[in-house]
C-alpha atoms as a PDB file:
ATOM      1  CA  MET A   1       0.000   0.000   0.000  1.00  0.00           C
ATOM      2  CA  ARG A   2       0.950   3.675  -0.248  1.00  0.00           C
ATOM      3  CA  ALA A   3       1.567   5.562   2.977  1.00  0.00           C
ATOM      4  CA  ALA A   4       2.780   9.026   3.963  1.00  0.00           C
ATOM      5  CA  VAL A   5       5.796   8.364   6.177  1.00  0.00           C
ATOM      6  CA  LEU A   6       7.268  11.025   8.454  1.00  0.00           C
ATOM      7  CA  GLU A   7      11.019  10.532   8.172  1.00  0.00           C
ATOM      8  CA  SER A   8      12.092  13.546  10.251  1.00  0.00           C
ATOM      9  CA  ALA A   9      11.031  17.108  10.951  1.00  0.00           C
ATOM     10  CA  GLN A  10       9.834  18.775   7.724  1.00  0.00           C
ATOM     11  CA  THR A  11      10.285  15.557   5.744  1.00  0.00           C
ATOM     12  CA  ILE A  12       7.267  13.420   4.892  1.00  0.00           C
ATOM     13  CA  LYS A  13       7.230  11.177   1.816  1.00  0.00           C
ATOM     14  CA  ILE A  14       4.964   8.686   0.067  1.00  0.00           C
ATOM     15  CA  GLN A  15       6.408   5.195   0.423  1.00  0.00           C
ATOM     16  CA  ALA A  16       5.370   1.630  -0.298  1.00  0.00           C
ATOM     17  CA  ARG A  17       4.507  -0.147   2.947  1.00  0.00           C
ATOM     18  CA  ALA A  18       3.191  -3.620   3.696  1.00  0.00           C
ATOM     19  CA  THR A  19      -0.565  -3.690   4.242  1.00  0.00           C
ATOM     20  CA  PRO A  20      -1.173  -4.120   8.002  1.00  0.00           C
ATOM     21  CA  GLU A  21      -1.625  -7.683   9.220  1.00  0.00           C
ATOM     22  CA  LEU A  22      -5.213  -8.586  10.106  1.00  0.00           C
ATOM     23  CA  LYS A  23      -5.526 -10.250  13.526  1.00  0.00           C
ATOM     24  CA  PRO A  24      -8.506 -11.704  15.439  1.00  0.00           C
ATOM     25  CA  ARG A  25     -11.054  -9.114  16.626  1.00  0.00           C
ATOM     26  CA  MET A  26      -9.450  -6.552  14.297  1.00  0.00           C
ATOM     27  CA  VAL A  27     -10.703  -4.970  11.084  1.00  0.00           C
ATOM     28  CA  LEU A  28      -8.770  -3.789   8.052  1.00  0.00           C
ATOM     29  CA  LEU A  29     -10.004  -0.379   6.973  1.00  0.00           C
ATOM     30  CA  ARG A  30      -9.571   1.242   3.574  1.00  0.00           C
ATOM     31  CA  VAL A  31      -9.044   4.895   4.426  1.00  0.00           C
ATOM     32  CA  ARG A  32     -11.053   7.351   2.329  1.00  0.00           C
ATOM     33  CA  ARG A  33     -10.465  10.721   4.015  1.00  0.00           C
ATOM     34  CA  ALA A  34      -8.058  11.763   6.802  1.00  0.00           C
ATOM     35  CA  GLY A  35      -7.723  15.069   8.628  1.00  0.00           C
ATOM     36  CA  ILE A  36      -4.503  16.778   9.692  1.00  0.00           C
ATOM     37  CA  CYS A  37      -4.481  17.445  13.430  1.00  0.00           C
ATOM     38  CA  GLY A  38      -2.390  19.795  15.536  1.00  0.00           C
ATOM     39  CA  SER A  39      -0.389  16.864  16.885  1.00  0.00           C
ATOM     40  CA  ASP A  40       0.418  15.793  13.306  1.00  0.00           C
ATOM     41  CA  LEU A  41       1.725  19.304  12.699  1.00  0.00           C
ATOM     42  CA  HIS A  42       3.893  19.175  15.836  1.00  0.00           C
ATOM     43  CA  TYR A  43       5.534  15.977  14.565  1.00  0.00           C
ATOM     44  CA  PHE A  44       5.975  17.476  11.098  1.00  0.00           C
ATOM     45  CA  GLU A  45       7.286  20.851  12.222  1.00  0.00           C
ATOM     46  CA  HIS A  46       9.453  19.785  15.167  1.00  0.00           C
ATOM     47  CA  GLY A  47      10.007  16.030  14.768  1.00  0.00           C
ATOM     48  CA  CYS A  48       8.232  15.361  18.072  1.00  0.00           C
ATOM     49  CA  CYS A  49       5.023  16.132  19.947  1.00  0.00           C
ATOM     50  CA  GLY A  50       5.821  17.251  23.474  1.00  0.00           C
ATOM     51  CA  ALA A  51       7.511  14.348  25.235  1.00  0.00           C
ATOM     52  CA  PHE A  52       6.683  11.927  22.400  1.00  0.00           C
ATOM     53  CA  VAL A  53       9.826  11.511  20.285  1.00  0.00           C
ATOM     54  CA  PRO A  54       9.678   8.969  17.406  1.00  0.00           C
ATOM     55  CA  THR A  55      12.211   6.155  17.515  1.00  0.00           C
ATOM     56  CA  ARG A  56      11.757   5.433  13.793  1.00  0.00           C
ATOM     57  CA  PRO A  57       9.936   6.850  10.758  1.00  0.00           C
ATOM     58  CA  PHE A  58       6.189   6.312  11.020  1.00  0.00           C
ATOM     59  CA  VAL A  59       2.791   7.110   9.509  1.00  0.00           C
ATOM     60  CA  LEU A  60       0.844  10.037  10.970  1.00  0.00           C
ATOM     61  CA  GLY A  61      -2.932  10.497  11.117  1.00  0.00           C
ATOM     62  CA  HIS A  62      -5.694   9.589  13.548  1.00  0.00           C
ATOM     63  CA  GLU A  63      -8.893  11.355  12.411  1.00  0.00           C
ATOM     64  CA  PHE A  64     -10.430   9.626   9.412  1.00  0.00           C
ATOM     65  CA  ALA A  65     -13.333   8.039   7.595  1.00  0.00           C
ATOM     66  CA  ALA A  66     -12.941   4.608   5.999  1.00  0.00           C
ATOM     67  CA  GLU A  67     -14.716   1.513   4.795  1.00  0.00           C
ATOM     68  CA  VAL A  68     -14.276  -2.021   6.065  1.00  0.00           C
ATOM     69  CA  ALA A  69     -12.033  -3.969   3.674  1.00  0.00           C
ATOM     70  CA  ALA A  70     -11.703  -7.208   5.676  1.00  0.00           C
ATOM     71  CA  VAL A  71     -12.464  -8.517   9.157  1.00  0.00           C
ATOM     72  CA  GLY A  72     -10.544 -10.828  11.454  1.00  0.00           C
ATOM     73  CA  ASP A  73     -11.831 -13.862  13.309  1.00  0.00           C
ATOM     74  CA  GLY A  74     -14.524 -13.050  15.839  1.00  0.00           C
ATOM     75  CA  VAL A  75     -15.873  -9.981  14.044  1.00  0.00           C
ATOM     76  CA  GLU A  76     -19.459 -10.443  12.862  1.00  0.00           C
ATOM     77  CA  HIS A  77     -21.153  -7.033  13.123  1.00  0.00           C
ATOM     78  CA  LEU A  78     -19.107  -5.104  10.535  1.00  0.00           C
ATOM     79  CA  PRO A  79     -19.714  -6.398   6.994  1.00  0.00           C
ATOM     80  CA  VAL A  80     -17.152  -5.607   4.323  1.00  0.00           C
ATOM     81  CA  GLY A  81     -18.031  -2.275   2.717  1.00  0.00           C
ATOM     82  CA  THR A  82     -19.430  -0.693   5.913  1.00  0.00           C
ATOM     83  CA  ARG A  83     -18.447   2.972   6.189  1.00  0.00           C
ATOM     84  CA  VAL A  84     -17.019   3.895   9.577  1.00  0.00           C
ATOM     85  CA  THR A  85     -15.042   6.369  11.584  1.00  0.00           C
ATOM     86  CA  ALA A  86     -12.883   5.106  14.425  1.00  0.00           C
ATOM     87  CA  ASN A  87     -11.791   6.024  17.911  1.00  0.00           C
ATOM     88  CA  PRO A  88      -8.033   6.004  17.256  1.00  0.00           C
ATOM     89  CA  ALA A  89      -7.169   5.403  20.925  1.00  0.00           C
ATOM     90  CA  ARG A  90      -7.207   1.662  21.648  1.00  0.00           C
ATOM     91  CA  ALA A  91      -7.568   1.233  25.410  1.00  0.00           C
ATOM     92  CA  CYS A  92      -6.805  -2.112  27.034  1.00  0.00           C
ATOM     93  CA  GLY A  93     -10.382  -2.725  28.181  1.00  0.00           C
ATOM     94  CA  VAL A  94      -9.423  -4.515  31.397  1.00  0.00           C
ATOM     95  CA  CYS A  95      -7.736  -1.967  33.707  1.00  0.00           C
ATOM     96  CA  ASP A  96      -9.563  -0.090  36.482  1.00  0.00           C
ATOM     97  CA  TYR A  97      -9.972   3.005  34.287  1.00  0.00           C
ATOM     98  CA  CYS A  98     -11.487   1.026  31.427  1.00  0.00           C
ATOM     99  CA  LYS A  99     -13.825  -0.864  33.749  1.00  0.00           C
ATOM    100  CA  ALA A 100     -14.956   2.464  35.231  1.00  0.00           C
ATOM    101  CA  GLY A 101     -15.848   3.798  31.772  1.00  0.00           C
ATOM    102  CA  ARG A 102     -12.805   6.077  31.608  1.00  0.00           C
ATOM    103  CA  GLY A 103     -10.816   4.355  28.892  1.00  0.00           C
ATOM    104  CA  ASN A 104      -9.363   7.714  27.834  1.00  0.00           C
ATOM    105  CA  LEU A 105      -7.203   7.499  30.984  1.00  0.00           C
ATOM    106  CA  CYS A 106      -5.996   3.940  30.302  1.00  0.00           C
ATOM    107  CA  ARG A 107      -2.228   3.798  30.792  1.00  0.00           C
ATOM    108  CA  ALA A 108      -1.881   1.082  28.142  1.00  0.00           C
ATOM    109  CA  THR A 109      -3.619   3.020  25.347  1.00  0.00           C
ATOM    110  CA  ILE A 110      -2.268   2.556  21.827  1.00  0.00           C
ATOM    111  CA  MET A 111      -2.866   5.671  19.746  1.00  0.00           C
ATOM    112  CA  LEU A 112      -2.846   5.657  15.953  1.00  0.00           C
ATOM    113  CA  GLY A 113      -0.258   7.927  14.356  1.00  0.00           C
ATOM    114  CA  SER A 114       1.568   8.553  17.617  1.00  0.00           C
ATOM    115  CA  ALA A 115       5.036   8.209  19.129  1.00  0.00           C
ATOM    116  CA  SER A 116       3.496   7.653  22.563  1.00  0.00           C
ATOM    117  CA  THR A 117       4.445   3.997  22.055  1.00  0.00           C
ATOM    118  CA  ARG A 118       7.858   2.513  21.265  1.00  0.00           C
ATOM    119  CA  PRO A 119       8.090   1.940  18.389  1.00  0.00           C
ATOM    120  CA  PRO A 120       5.562   4.522  17.173  1.00  0.00           C
ATOM    121  CA  THR A 121       2.140   3.292  16.078  1.00  0.00           C
ATOM    122  CA  ASP A 122       1.380   3.903  12.396  1.00  0.00           C
ATOM    123  CA  GLY A 123      -1.725   5.911  11.600  1.00  0.00           C
ATOM    124  CA  ALA A 124      -4.228   6.720   8.886  1.00  0.00           C
ATOM    125  CA  PHE A 125      -2.233   8.706   6.314  1.00  0.00           C
ATOM    126  CA  ALA A 126      -2.193   5.498   4.309  1.00  0.00           C
ATOM    127  CA  GLU A 127      -4.416   3.413   2.099  1.00  0.00           C
ATOM    128  CA  TYR A 128      -5.103   0.900   4.882  1.00  0.00           C
ATOM    129  CA  VAL A 129      -5.035   0.809   8.669  1.00  0.00           C
ATOM    130  CA  THR A 130      -6.128  -1.780  11.234  1.00  0.00           C
ATOM    131  CA  VAL A 131      -8.105  -1.136  14.410  1.00  0.00           C
ATOM    132  CA  ARG A 132      -9.917  -3.303  16.915  1.00  0.00           C
ATOM    133  CA  ALA A 133     -13.525  -3.849  15.865  1.00  0.00           C
ATOM    134  CA  ASP A 134     -14.947  -2.061  18.911  1.00  0.00           C
ATOM    135  CA  GLN A 135     -13.094   1.110  17.906  1.00  0.00           C
ATOM    136  CA  CYS A 136     -15.312   1.438  14.812  1.00  0.00           C
ATOM    137  CA  HIS A 137     -18.446   3.579  14.696  1.00  0.00           C
ATOM    138  CA  VAL A 138     -20.755   3.135  11.711  1.00  0.00           C
ATOM    139  CA  LEU A 139     -21.415   6.254   9.627  1.00  0.00           C
ATOM    140  CA  PRO A 140     -25.000   6.920   8.503  1.00  0.00           C
ATOM    141  CA  PRO A 141     -25.454   7.076   4.711  1.00  0.00           C
ATOM    142  CA  ASP A 142     -26.151  10.820   4.808  1.00  0.00           C
ATOM    143  CA  LEU A 143     -22.788  11.684   6.424  1.00  0.00           C
ATOM    144  CA  ASP A 144     -20.079  12.066   3.794  1.00  0.00           C
ATOM    145  CA  ASP A 145     -16.431  11.109   4.220  1.00  0.00           C
ATOM    146  CA  ALA A 146     -15.349  14.702   4.893  1.00  0.00           C
ATOM    147  CA  THR A 147     -17.755  14.911   7.809  1.00  0.00           C
ATOM    148  CA  GLY A 148     -16.824  11.422   8.986  1.00  0.00           C
ATOM    149  CA  ALA A 149     -13.189  12.462   9.240  1.00  0.00           C
ATOM    150  CA  MET A 150     -14.215  15.430  11.424  1.00  0.00           C
ATOM    151  CA  LEU A 151     -15.923  13.313  14.076  1.00  0.00           C
ATOM    152  CA  GLU A 152     -12.721  12.608  16.030  1.00  0.00           C
ATOM    153  CA  PRO A 153     -12.002  16.296  16.740  1.00  0.00           C
ATOM    154  CA  LEU A 154     -15.703  16.813  17.476  1.00  0.00           C
ATOM    155  CA  ALA A 155     -15.436  13.984  20.019  1.00  0.00           C
ATOM    156  CA  VAL A 156     -12.615  15.893  21.743  1.00  0.00           C
ATOM    157  CA  ALA A 157     -14.853  18.961  22.001  1.00  0.00           C
ATOM    158  CA  LEU A 158     -17.910  17.003  23.094  1.00  0.00           C
ATOM    159  CA  HIS A 159     -15.979  15.230  25.851  1.00  0.00           C
ATOM    160  CA  ALA A 160     -14.685  18.580  27.133  1.00  0.00           C
ATOM    161  CA  VAL A 161     -18.161  20.105  27.277  1.00  0.00           C
ATOM    162  CA  LYS A 162     -19.498  17.037  29.076  1.00  0.00           C
ATOM    163  CA  ARG A 163     -16.602  17.231  31.538  1.00  0.00           C
ATOM    164  CA  ALA A 164     -17.629  20.807  32.369  1.00  0.00           C
ATOM    165  CA  GLY A 165     -21.175  19.864  33.315  1.00  0.00           C
ATOM    166  CA  ALA A 166     -24.473  21.503  32.391  1.00  0.00           C
ATOM    167  CA  VAL A 167     -23.787  24.524  30.164  1.00  0.00           C
ATOM    168  CA  SER A 168     -27.376  25.306  29.162  1.00  0.00           C
ATOM    169  CA  GLY A 169     -28.053  28.995  29.752  1.00  0.00           C
ATOM    170  CA  LYS A 170     -24.488  29.542  30.982  1.00  0.00           C
ATOM    171  CA  ARG A 171     -21.923  32.078  29.795  1.00  0.00           C
ATOM    172  CA  VAL A 172     -19.064  30.342  27.975  1.00  0.00           C
ATOM    173  CA  LEU A 173     -15.671  31.506  26.754  1.00  0.00           C
ATOM    174  CA  VAL A 174     -13.332  29.399  24.613  1.00  0.00           C
ATOM    175  CA  THR A 175      -9.715  30.570  24.425  1.00  0.00           C
ATOM    176  CA  GLY A 176      -8.190  29.619  21.084  1.00  0.00           C
ATOM    177  CA  GLY A 177     -10.009  29.690  17.760  1.00  0.00           C
ATOM    178  CA  GLY A 178      -8.388  26.666  16.159  1.00  0.00           C
ATOM    179  CA  PRO A 179     -10.458  23.669  15.076  1.00  0.00           C
ATOM    180  CA  ILE A 180     -10.831  22.251  18.609  1.00  0.00           C
ATOM    181  CA  GLY A 181     -11.693  25.606  20.128  1.00  0.00           C
ATOM    182  CA  LEU A 182     -14.270  26.332  17.439  1.00  0.00           C
ATOM    183  CA  LEU A 183     -15.784  22.872  17.869  1.00  0.00           C
ATOM    184  CA  VAL A 184     -16.029  23.412  21.631  1.00  0.00           C
ATOM    185  CA  ALA A 185     -17.817  26.702  21.017  1.00  0.00           C
ATOM    186  CA  MET A 186     -20.201  25.089  18.505  1.00  0.00           C
ATOM    187  CA  THR A 187     -20.899  22.202  20.893  1.00  0.00           C
ATOM    188  CA  ALA A 188     -21.527  24.495  23.858  1.00  0.00           C
ATOM    189  CA  LYS A 189     -23.930  26.513  21.730  1.00  0.00           C
ATOM    190  CA  ALA A 190     -25.715  23.333  20.609  1.00  0.00           C
ATOM    191  CA  PHE A 191     -26.107  22.442  24.294  1.00  0.00           C
ATOM    192  CA  GLY A 192     -27.747  25.802  25.040  1.00  0.00           C
ATOM    193  CA  ALA A 193     -24.901  27.980  26.334  1.00  0.00           C
ATOM    194  CA  VAL A 194     -25.514  31.700  25.883  1.00  0.00           C
ATOM    195  CA  PRO A 195     -23.600  33.786  25.139  1.00  0.00           C
ATOM    196  CA  VAL A 196     -20.713  31.826  23.652  1.00  0.00           C
ATOM    197  CA  ALA A 197     -17.479  33.713  23.027  1.00  0.00           C
ATOM    198  CA  VAL A 198     -14.189  32.756  21.372  1.00  0.00           C
ATOM    199  CA  SER A 199     -10.946  34.638  21.962  1.00  0.00           C
ATOM    200  CA  ASP A 200      -7.955  34.490  19.632  1.00  0.00           C
ATOM    201  CA  VAL A 201      -5.115  36.815  18.734  1.00  0.00           C
ATOM    202  CA  LEU A 202      -5.631  36.122  15.016  1.00  0.00           C
ATOM    203  CA  GLU A 203      -8.322  38.151  13.287  1.00  0.00           C
ATOM    204  CA  THR A 204      -8.881  35.358  10.751  1.00  0.00           C
ATOM    205  CA  ARG A 205      -9.760  32.964  13.575  1.00  0.00           C
ATOM    206  CA  ARG A 206     -12.143  35.484  15.112  1.00  0.00           C
ATOM    207  CA  ASP A 207     -13.766  35.925  11.706  1.00  0.00           C
ATOM    208  CA  ALA A 208     -14.090  32.147  11.390  1.00  0.00           C
ATOM    209  CA  ALA A 209     -15.801  31.975  14.788  1.00  0.00           C
ATOM    210  CA  ARG A 210     -18.383  34.540  13.711  1.00  0.00           C
ATOM    211  CA  ARG A 211     -18.912  32.746  10.402  1.00  0.00           C
ATOM    212  CA  LEU A 212     -19.591  29.512  12.266  1.00  0.00           C
ATOM    213  CA  GLY A 213     -22.280  31.115  14.422  1.00  0.00           C
ATOM    214  CA  VAL A 214     -20.383  32.127  17.568  1.00  0.00           C
ATOM    215  CA  GLU A 215     -22.018  35.236  19.042  1.00  0.00           C
ATOM    216  CA  VAL A 216     -18.895  37.008  20.327  1.00  0.00           C
ATOM    217  CA  ALA A 217     -15.277  37.049  19.116  1.00  0.00           C
ATOM    218  CA  LEU A 218     -12.738  38.654  21.455  1.00  0.00           C
ATOM    219  CA  ASN A 219      -9.161  39.785  21.004  1.00  0.00           C
ATOM    220  CA  PRO A 220      -7.310  38.602  24.149  1.00  0.00           C
ATOM    221  CA  VAL A 221      -4.610  41.267  23.875  1.00  0.00           C
ATOM    222  CA  THR A 222      -6.870  44.310  23.462  1.00  0.00           C
ATOM    223  CA  PRO A 223      -6.574  46.802  26.371  1.00  0.00           C
ATOM    224  CA  THR A 224     -10.369  46.937  26.669  1.00  0.00           C
ATOM    225  CA  LEU A 225     -10.871  43.185  27.117  1.00  0.00           C
ATOM    226  CA  ALA A 226     -11.764  43.309  30.832  1.00  0.00           C
ATOM    227  CA  GLU A 227     -14.364  46.026  30.182  1.00  0.00           C
ATOM    228  CA  GLU A 228     -15.843  44.048  27.264  1.00  0.00           C
ATOM    229  CA  VAL A 229     -16.159  40.942  29.430  1.00  0.00           C
ATOM    230  CA  ARG A 230     -17.805  42.860  32.280  1.00  0.00           C
ATOM    231  CA  THR A 231     -20.324  44.343  29.863  1.00  0.00           C
ATOM    232  CA  LEU A 232     -21.039  40.921  28.399  1.00  0.00           C
ATOM    233  CA  THR A 233     -21.144  38.812  31.555  1.00  0.00           C
ATOM    234  CA  GLY A 234     -21.065  40.926  34.686  1.00  0.00           C
ATOM    235  CA  GLU A 235     -18.527  39.174  36.934  1.00  0.00           C
ATOM    236  CA  GLY A 236     -17.127  36.821  34.320  1.00  0.00           C
ATOM    237  CA  PHE A 237     -17.840  33.630  32.406  1.00  0.00           C
ATOM    238  CA  ASP A 238     -19.394  30.592  34.062  1.00  0.00           C
ATOM    239  CA  PHE A 239     -17.148  28.307  32.006  1.00  0.00           C
ATOM    240  CA  VAL A 240     -13.819  28.957  30.313  1.00  0.00           C
ATOM    241  CA  PHE A 241     -12.460  26.267  27.989  1.00  0.00           C
ATOM    242  CA  GLU A 242      -8.720  26.729  27.409  1.00  0.00           C
ATOM    243  CA  ALA A 243      -8.129  25.351  23.913  1.00  0.00           C
ATOM    244  CA  ALA A 244      -5.224  27.529  22.810  1.00  0.00           C
ATOM    245  CA  GLY A 245      -2.547  25.514  24.576  1.00  0.00           C
ATOM    246  CA  ALA A 246      -0.873  28.806  25.548  1.00  0.00           C
ATOM    247  CA  ARG A 247       0.399  29.886  28.951  1.00  0.00           C
ATOM    248  CA  ALA A 248      -0.971  33.401  28.538  1.00  0.00           C
ATOM    249  CA  ALA A 249      -4.419  32.053  27.657  1.00  0.00           C
ATOM    250  CA  LEU A 250      -4.517  29.819  30.721  1.00  0.00           C
ATOM    251  CA  ARG A 251      -3.397  32.638  33.032  1.00  0.00           C
ATOM    252  CA  GLN A 252      -6.008  34.944  31.524  1.00  0.00           C
ATOM    253  CA  ALA A 253      -8.711  32.325  32.081  1.00  0.00           C
ATOM    254  CA  PHE A 254      -8.388  32.885  35.849  1.00  0.00           C
ATOM    255  CA  GLU A 255      -9.097  36.585  35.315  1.00  0.00           C
ATOM    256  CA  LEU A 256     -12.137  36.026  33.077  1.00  0.00           C
ATOM    257  CA  VAL A 257     -13.951  33.247  34.962  1.00  0.00           C
ATOM    258  CA  ARG A 258     -16.508  34.311  37.550  1.00  0.00           C
ATOM    259  CA  PRO A 259     -16.301  33.240  41.229  1.00  0.00           C
ATOM    260  CA  GLY A 260     -17.490  29.643  41.483  1.00  0.00           C
ATOM    261  CA  GLY A 261     -16.894  29.157  37.762  1.00  0.00           C
ATOM    262  CA  THR A 262     -15.066  26.374  35.966  1.00  0.00           C
ATOM    263  CA  ILE A 263     -11.944  26.298  33.792  1.00  0.00           C
ATOM    264  CA  VAL A 264     -11.513  23.256  31.536  1.00  0.00           C
ATOM    265  CA  GLN A 265      -7.994  22.654  30.219  1.00  0.00           C
ATOM    266  CA  ILE A 266      -8.016  21.095  26.743  1.00  0.00           C
ATOM    267  CA  GLY A 267      -4.956  22.588  25.023  1.00  0.00           C
ATOM    268  CA  THR A 268      -1.577  20.877  25.375  1.00  0.00           C
ATOM    269  CA  LEU A 269       0.867  23.112  27.227  1.00  0.00           C
ATOM    270  CA  GLY A 270       4.084  21.150  26.811  1.00  0.00           C
ATOM    271  CA  THR A 271       6.097  19.429  29.508  1.00  0.00           C
ATOM    272  CA  GLU A 272       7.272  22.347  31.655  1.00  0.00           C
ATOM    273  CA  ASP A 273       5.543  23.258  34.910  1.00  0.00           C
ATOM    274  CA  ILE A 274       3.405  26.395  34.730  1.00  0.00           C
ATOM    275  CA  PRO A 275       2.742  28.663  37.733  1.00  0.00           C
ATOM    276  CA  LEU A 276      -0.969  28.959  38.557  1.00  0.00           C
ATOM    277  CA  PRO A 277      -2.768  31.436  40.862  1.00  0.00           C
ATOM    278  CA  ALA A 278      -3.575  28.849  43.520  1.00  0.00           C
ATOM    279  CA  ASN A 279      -4.882  31.511  45.895  1.00  0.00           C
ATOM    280  CA  GLN A 280      -7.570  32.427  43.346  1.00  0.00           C
ATOM    281  CA  LEU A 281      -8.577  28.779  43.144  1.00  0.00           C
ATOM    282  CA  MET A 282      -9.196  28.874  46.870  1.00  0.00           C
ATOM    283  CA  VAL A 283     -10.596  32.351  47.477  1.00  0.00           C
ATOM    284  CA  ARG A 284     -12.924  32.379  44.473  1.00  0.00           C
ATOM    285  CA  GLU A 285     -13.682  28.638  44.576  1.00  0.00           C
ATOM    286  CA  ILE A 286     -12.728  28.147  40.937  1.00  0.00           C
ATOM    287  CA  ASN A 287     -13.057  24.638  39.567  1.00  0.00           C
ATOM    288  CA  PHE A 288     -10.055  23.662  37.426  1.00  0.00           C
ATOM    289  CA  ILE A 289     -10.366  20.385  35.547  1.00  0.00           C
ATOM    290  CA  GLY A 290      -8.672  18.605  32.664  1.00  0.00           C
ATOM    291  CA  SER A 291     -10.139  17.011  29.566  1.00  0.00           C
ATOM    292  CA  MET A 292      -8.147  14.277  27.824  1.00  0.00           C
ATOM    293  CA  ARG A 293      -9.169  13.126  24.335  1.00  0.00           C
ATOM    294  CA  TYR A 294     -12.637  11.596  24.591  1.00  0.00           C
ATOM    295  CA  GLY A 295     -14.771   9.245  26.597  1.00  0.00           C
ATOM    296  CA  ASN A 296     -17.361   7.078  24.931  1.00  0.00           C
ATOM    297  CA  VAL A 297     -18.884   9.919  22.896  1.00  0.00           C
ATOM    298  CA  PHE A 298     -18.408   9.007  19.222  1.00  0.00           C
ATOM    299  CA  ASP A 299     -21.944   7.737  18.660  1.00  0.00           C
ATOM    300  CA  GLU A 300     -23.334  10.815  20.412  1.00  0.00           C
ATOM    301  CA  ALA A 301     -21.186  13.009  18.170  1.00  0.00           C
ATOM    302  CA  ILE A 302     -22.581  11.244  15.109  1.00  0.00           C
ATOM    303  CA  ARG A 303     -26.143  11.878  16.289  1.00  0.00           C
ATOM    304  CA  LEU A 304     -25.440  15.567  16.913  1.00  0.00           C
ATOM    305  CA  VAL A 305     -24.146  15.982  13.374  1.00  0.00           C
ATOM    306  CA  GLN A 306     -26.857  13.854  11.784  1.00  0.00           C
ATOM    307  CA  SER A 307     -29.518  15.946  13.566  1.00  0.00           C
ATOM    308  CA  ARG A 308     -27.895  19.082  12.076  1.00  0.00           C
ATOM    309  CA  ARG A 309     -27.284  20.621  15.481  1.00  0.00           C
ATOM    310  CA  ILE A 310     -23.630  20.899  14.503  1.00  0.00           C
ATOM    311  CA  ASP A 311     -22.390  21.410  10.945  1.00  0.00           C
ATOM    312  CA  LEU A 312     -18.755  20.376  10.558  1.00  0.00           C
ATOM    313  CA  ARG A 313     -18.287  21.241   6.902  1.00  0.00           C
ATOM    314  CA  GLY A 314     -17.539  24.901   7.553  1.00  0.00           C
ATOM    315  CA  LEU A 315     -14.260  24.030   9.269  1.00  0.00           C
ATOM    316  CA  ILE A 316     -12.767  22.238   6.245  1.00  0.00           C
ATOM    317  CA  SER A 317     -10.502  24.710   4.472  1.00  0.00           C
ATOM    318  CA  GLY A 318      -8.686  22.428   2.035  1.00  0.00           C
ATOM    319  CA  VAL A 319      -8.629  18.901   0.595  1.00  0.00           C
ATOM    320  CA  LEU A 320      -5.571  17.478  -1.162  1.00  0.00           C
ATOM    321  CA  PRO A 321      -4.730  13.987  -2.426  1.00  0.00           C
ATOM    322  CA  LEU A 322      -2.438  11.747  -0.402  1.00  0.00           C
ATOM    323  CA  SER A 323       0.250  12.184  -3.055  1.00  0.00           C
ATOM    324  CA  GLU A 324       0.457  15.880  -2.091  1.00  0.00           C
ATOM    325  CA  VAL A 325       0.838  15.255   1.643  1.00  0.00           C
ATOM    326  CA  ASP A 326       3.858  17.556   1.984  1.00  0.00           C
ATOM    327  CA  GLN A 327       1.928  20.460   0.480  1.00  0.00           C
ATOM    328  CA  ALA A 328      -1.087  19.582   2.656  1.00  0.00           C
ATOM    329  CA  MET A 329       1.005  19.677   5.842  1.00  0.00           C
ATOM    330  CA  ARG A 330       2.456  23.056   4.916  1.00  0.00           C
ATOM    331  CA  LEU A 331      -1.004  24.381   4.075  1.00  0.00           C
ATOM    332  CA  ALA A 332      -2.335  23.167   7.428  1.00  0.00           C
ATOM    333  CA  SER A 333       0.574  24.899   9.187  1.00  0.00           C
ATOM    334  CA  GLY A 334      -0.716  28.299   8.038  1.00  0.00           C
ATOM    335  CA  LYS A 335      -2.836  29.376  11.005  1.00  0.00           C
ATOM    336  CA  ASN A 336      -3.875  32.547   9.202  1.00  0.00           C
ATOM    337  CA  THR A 337      -5.284  30.676   6.234  1.00  0.00           C
ATOM    338  CA  ALA A 338      -6.280  27.154   7.313  1.00  0.00           C
ATOM    339  CA  LEU A 339      -8.569  25.516   9.834  1.00  0.00           C
ATOM    340  CA  LYS A 340      -8.879  21.843   8.913  1.00  0.00           C
ATOM    341  CA  VAL A 341      -7.008  20.388   5.947  1.00  0.00           C
ATOM    342  CA  GLN A 342      -7.872  16.854   4.872  1.00  0.00           C
ATOM    343  CA  LEU A 343      -6.215  14.219   2.700  1.00  0.00           C
ATOM    344  CA  GLU A 344      -8.284  12.353   0.140  1.00  0.00           C
ATOM    345  CA  ILE A 345      -7.015   8.821  -0.263  1.00  0.00           C
ATOM    346  CA  ASP A 346      -7.936   7.243  -3.574  1.00  0.00           C
END
């Protein structure tokens, strides 16, 4: 098969690779569309993603739509030809976290397109990939491949909103207007939050937020920000979702959340310790929680999209063939011009 192999920072090439071996309880998927994620860009731009440093060249990609090409022994519910998306994080299924329904915290998780394992686990920037059958989620006929490949990032956003609690009628701010931040804002709005605001230093991202139906777009570095927030919310936002993965955004979240409010950390902030205003946590009784990937929310995400409560198509800013993966990665790196770039795999 053909696969896009990351050889080193800034070097990704199409190579011939052996089609993955099909094992019991696994399915072989023919990838049709794959999205480029921020973690893919970290590997491409820097040769690593935080503490995850590849020990060999590997195939990126973990958000995709595909069709079942073959099934292993013990798989009966996924006929060949079924269109699916997949949870790319394969939890062990037997540890305490998995048994408690928190497989996203499983310490033995194998993640597609990631150097979190040694050797790295190949991902979906290829013609074929294998996953365990229970990782697959069937796509309805009316959801196209482009939308199917957007369900993984939507699952990240949906899990974060569910981690926060009931947002209906609450005032919500999302820091960071990248794909995840915009999806969080769209999900919070679908769940009844009002008003929903997105803050980003880039005007193009603020424009994108407005285009996607977000009521308020804020510039986090404007001198009048505090006054704007007071006018909009009174004492601050009930919920702040930090999706920028920036120290300044996280620190600002403590200034913009109201007493008794909640900050949800979604963005990756690297491996260094970051000072936090612990006294504010105590005095103002701020809730500070993390959100890691996704719980069991893929089917719920599919229903939200199928019901038209959330329209994912507006986030797709470019589609290129697998053969042009280098150009696609460089296009996706342009934060001023791109939101979600996808690869079409013939």
